[in-house]
C-alpha atoms as a PDB file:
ATOM      1  CA  MET A   1     -15.506   3.997  -6.027  1.00  0.00           C
ATOM      2  CA  HIS A   2     -12.888   6.535  -4.940  1.00  0.00           C
ATOM      3  CA  THR A   3     -13.999   9.076  -2.351  1.00  0.00           C
ATOM      4  CA  VAL A   4     -12.449  12.487  -1.875  1.00  0.00           C
ATOM      5  CA  GLU A   5     -13.151  14.219   1.422  1.00  0.00           C
ATOM      6  CA  ILE A   6     -12.602  17.937   1.911  1.00  0.00           C
ATOM      7  CA  SER A   7     -12.893  19.855   5.170  1.00  0.00           C
ATOM      8  CA  LEU A   8     -14.195  23.438   5.014  1.00  0.00           C
ATOM      9  CA  LYS A   9     -15.329  26.152   7.363  1.00  0.00           C
ATOM     10  CA  PRO A  10     -19.105  26.649   7.113  1.00  0.00           C
ATOM     11  CA  ASN A  11     -18.696  30.189   5.750  1.00  0.00           C
ATOM     12  CA  GLU A  12     -16.476  28.838   2.907  1.00  0.00           C
ATOM     13  CA  LEU A  13     -18.953  26.229   1.704  1.00  0.00           C
ATOM     14  CA  SER A  14     -20.927  28.254  -0.837  1.00  0.00           C
ATOM     15  CA  ALA A  15     -17.892  29.707  -2.639  1.00  0.00           C
ATOM     16  CA  ALA A  16     -16.039  26.364  -2.526  1.00  0.00           C
ATOM     17  CA  MET A  17     -19.022  24.497  -4.004  1.00  0.00           C
ATOM     18  CA  ALA A  18     -19.213  27.012  -6.868  1.00  0.00           C
ATOM     19  CA  ASP A  19     -15.455  26.636  -7.509  1.00  0.00           C
ATOM     20  CA  MET A  20     -15.757  22.830  -7.450  1.00  0.00           C
ATOM     21  CA  ARG A  21     -18.640  22.847  -9.930  1.00  0.00           C
ATOM     22  CA  ILE A  22     -16.757  25.118 -12.335  1.00  0.00           C
ATOM     23  CA  TRP A  23     -13.601  23.001 -12.052  1.00  0.00           C
ATOM     24  CA  LEU A  24     -15.503  19.749 -12.578  1.00  0.00           C
ATOM     25  CA  ASP A  25     -17.232  21.178 -15.654  1.00  0.00           C
ATOM     26  CA  GLU A  26     -13.972  22.512 -17.103  1.00  0.00           C
ATOM     27  CA  HIS A  27     -12.326  19.101 -16.697  1.00  0.00           C
ATOM     28  CA  ARG A  28     -15.448  17.190 -17.763  1.00  0.00           C
ATOM     29  CA  PHE A  29     -15.311  15.061 -14.630  1.00  0.00           C
ATOM     30  CA  GLU A  30     -18.568  13.548 -13.456  1.00  0.00           C
ATOM     31  CA  PRO A  31     -18.623  12.518  -9.808  1.00  0.00           C
ATOM     32  CA  SER A  32     -21.057   9.771  -8.855  1.00  0.00           C
ATOM     33  CA  VAL A  33     -22.018  11.092  -5.421  1.00  0.00           C
ATOM     34  CA  PHE A  34     -21.653  14.537  -3.870  1.00  0.00           C
ATOM     35  CA  CYS A  35     -22.684  15.072  -0.243  1.00  0.00           C
ATOM     36  CA  CYS A  36     -21.974  17.270   2.785  1.00  0.00           C
ATOM     37  CA  ARG A  37     -22.082  16.724   6.529  1.00  0.00           C
ATOM     38  CA  GLU A  38     -21.484  19.136   9.357  1.00  0.00           C
ATOM     39  CA  ASP A  39     -19.377  18.332  12.393  1.00  0.00           C
ATOM     40  CA  GLY A  40     -19.134  21.240  14.810  1.00  0.00           C
ATOM     41  CA  ALA A  41     -16.978  23.973  13.313  1.00  0.00           C
ATOM     42  CA  SER A  42     -16.321  22.131  10.023  1.00  0.00           C
ATOM     43  CA  VAL A  43     -18.245  20.987   6.997  1.00  0.00           C
ATOM     44  CA  PHE A  44     -17.045  17.825   5.270  1.00  0.00           C
ATOM     45  CA  VAL A  45     -17.706  17.463   1.573  1.00  0.00           C
ATOM     46  CA  SER A  46     -17.485  13.925   0.147  1.00  0.00           C
ATOM     47  CA  ILE A  47     -17.289  13.321  -3.576  1.00  0.00           C
ATOM     48  CA  ASP A  48     -17.190   9.844  -5.139  1.00  0.00           C
ATOM     49  CA  PHE A  49     -15.453   9.252  -8.464  1.00  0.00           C
ATOM     50  CA  LYS A  50     -15.366   6.090 -10.556  1.00  0.00           C
ATOM     51  CA  VAL A  51     -11.945   6.994 -11.993  1.00  0.00           C
ATOM     52  CA  ILE A  52      -9.005   7.190  -9.567  1.00  0.00           C
ATOM     53  CA  ALA A  53      -7.128   9.757 -11.679  1.00  0.00           C
ATOM     54  CA  GLU A  54     -10.141  12.091 -11.473  1.00  0.00           C
ATOM     55  CA  ALA A  55     -10.362  11.632  -7.697  1.00  0.00           C
ATOM     56  CA  GLU A  56      -6.653  12.342  -7.300  1.00  0.00           C
ATOM     57  CA  ALA A  57      -6.775  15.452  -9.521  1.00  0.00           C
ATOM     58  CA  PHE A  58      -9.796  16.765  -7.617  1.00  0.00           C
ATOM     59  CA  ALA A  59      -8.152  16.075  -4.250  1.00  0.00           C
ATOM     60  CA  ASP A  60      -4.973  17.846  -5.358  1.00  0.00           C
ATOM     61  CA  ARG A  61      -6.866  20.894  -6.579  1.00  0.00           C
ATOM     62  CA  PHE A  62      -9.102  21.266  -3.509  1.00  0.00           C
ATOM     63  CA  SER A  63      -6.708  20.057  -0.791  1.00  0.00           C
ATOM     64  CA  GLY A  64      -8.740  16.922  -0.189  1.00  0.00           C
ATOM     65  CA  GLN A  65      -7.910  13.394   0.840  1.00  0.00           C
ATOM     66  CA  VAL A  66      -8.630  10.345  -1.326  1.00  0.00           C
ATOM     67  CA  ASP A  67     -10.077   7.471   0.711  1.00  0.00           C
ATOM     68  CA  GLY A  68      -9.343   3.814   0.330  1.00  0.00           C
ATOM     69  CA  PRO A  69      -6.350   1.849  -0.907  1.00  0.00           C
ATOM     70  CA  PRO A  70      -4.302   3.226  -3.809  1.00  0.00           C
ATOM     71  CA  VAL A  71      -4.748   1.620  -7.191  1.00  0.00           C
ATOM     72  CA  PRO A  72      -1.489   0.084  -8.499  1.00  0.00           C
ATOM     73  CA  GLY A  73       0.147   2.405 -11.004  1.00  0.00           C
ATOM     74  CA  SER A  74      -1.743   5.478  -9.793  1.00  0.00           C
ATOM     75  CA  GLN A  75      -0.089   8.567  -8.362  1.00  0.00           C
ATOM     76  CA  ARG A  76      -0.921   7.310  -4.868  1.00  0.00           C
ATOM     77  CA  ASP A  77       0.742   3.926  -5.395  1.00  0.00           C
ATOM     78  CA  ASN A  78       3.908   3.469  -3.359  1.00  0.00           C
ATOM     79  CA  ARG A  79       6.257   0.741  -2.217  1.00  0.00           C
ATOM     80  CA  ARG A  80       4.173  -0.169   0.838  1.00  0.00           C
ATOM     81  CA  ASN A  81       1.261  -1.088  -1.437  1.00  0.00           C
ATOM     82  CA  VAL A  82       3.156  -3.228  -3.937  1.00  0.00           C
ATOM     83  CA  PRO A  83       2.166  -6.882  -3.504  1.00  0.00           C
ATOM     84  CA  PHE A  84       4.825  -9.317  -2.311  1.00  0.00           C
ATOM     85  CA  ILE A  85       6.118 -11.580  -5.070  1.00  0.00           C
ATOM     86  CA  PRO A  86       8.035 -14.568  -3.718  1.00  0.00           C
ATOM     87  CA  PRO A  87      11.522 -15.202  -5.156  1.00  0.00           C
ATOM     88  CA  PRO A  88      12.029 -18.089  -7.577  1.00  0.00           C
ATOM     89  CA  GLU A  89      12.522 -21.515  -5.998  1.00  0.00           C
ATOM     90  CA  GLY A  90      15.956 -22.063  -4.513  1.00  0.00           C
ATOM     91  CA  ILE A  91      16.586 -18.371  -3.845  1.00  0.00           C
ATOM     92  CA  VAL A  92      16.286 -17.199  -0.270  1.00  0.00           C
ATOM     93  CA  ALA A  93      14.971 -13.687   0.216  1.00  0.00           C
END
């Protein structure tokens, strides 16, 4: 599961939720879980996706953050997350 978390001001929540629903419908993305929690002056919206590309697209569109380790080959993959492959025998790295 790939979780996107978005931070909003409480007065932005209603309009943002409507925008998210429209965007999800237009892209035919189906999140698995959609929940909110309040923390003082912010509301955090968490959306779980089964497909990493959908989570990344949603996070990009709504200025969110994708949780968890990047999937190799995804847009979030980078050199720090490439597994170490030892050199062939006899070659010193």
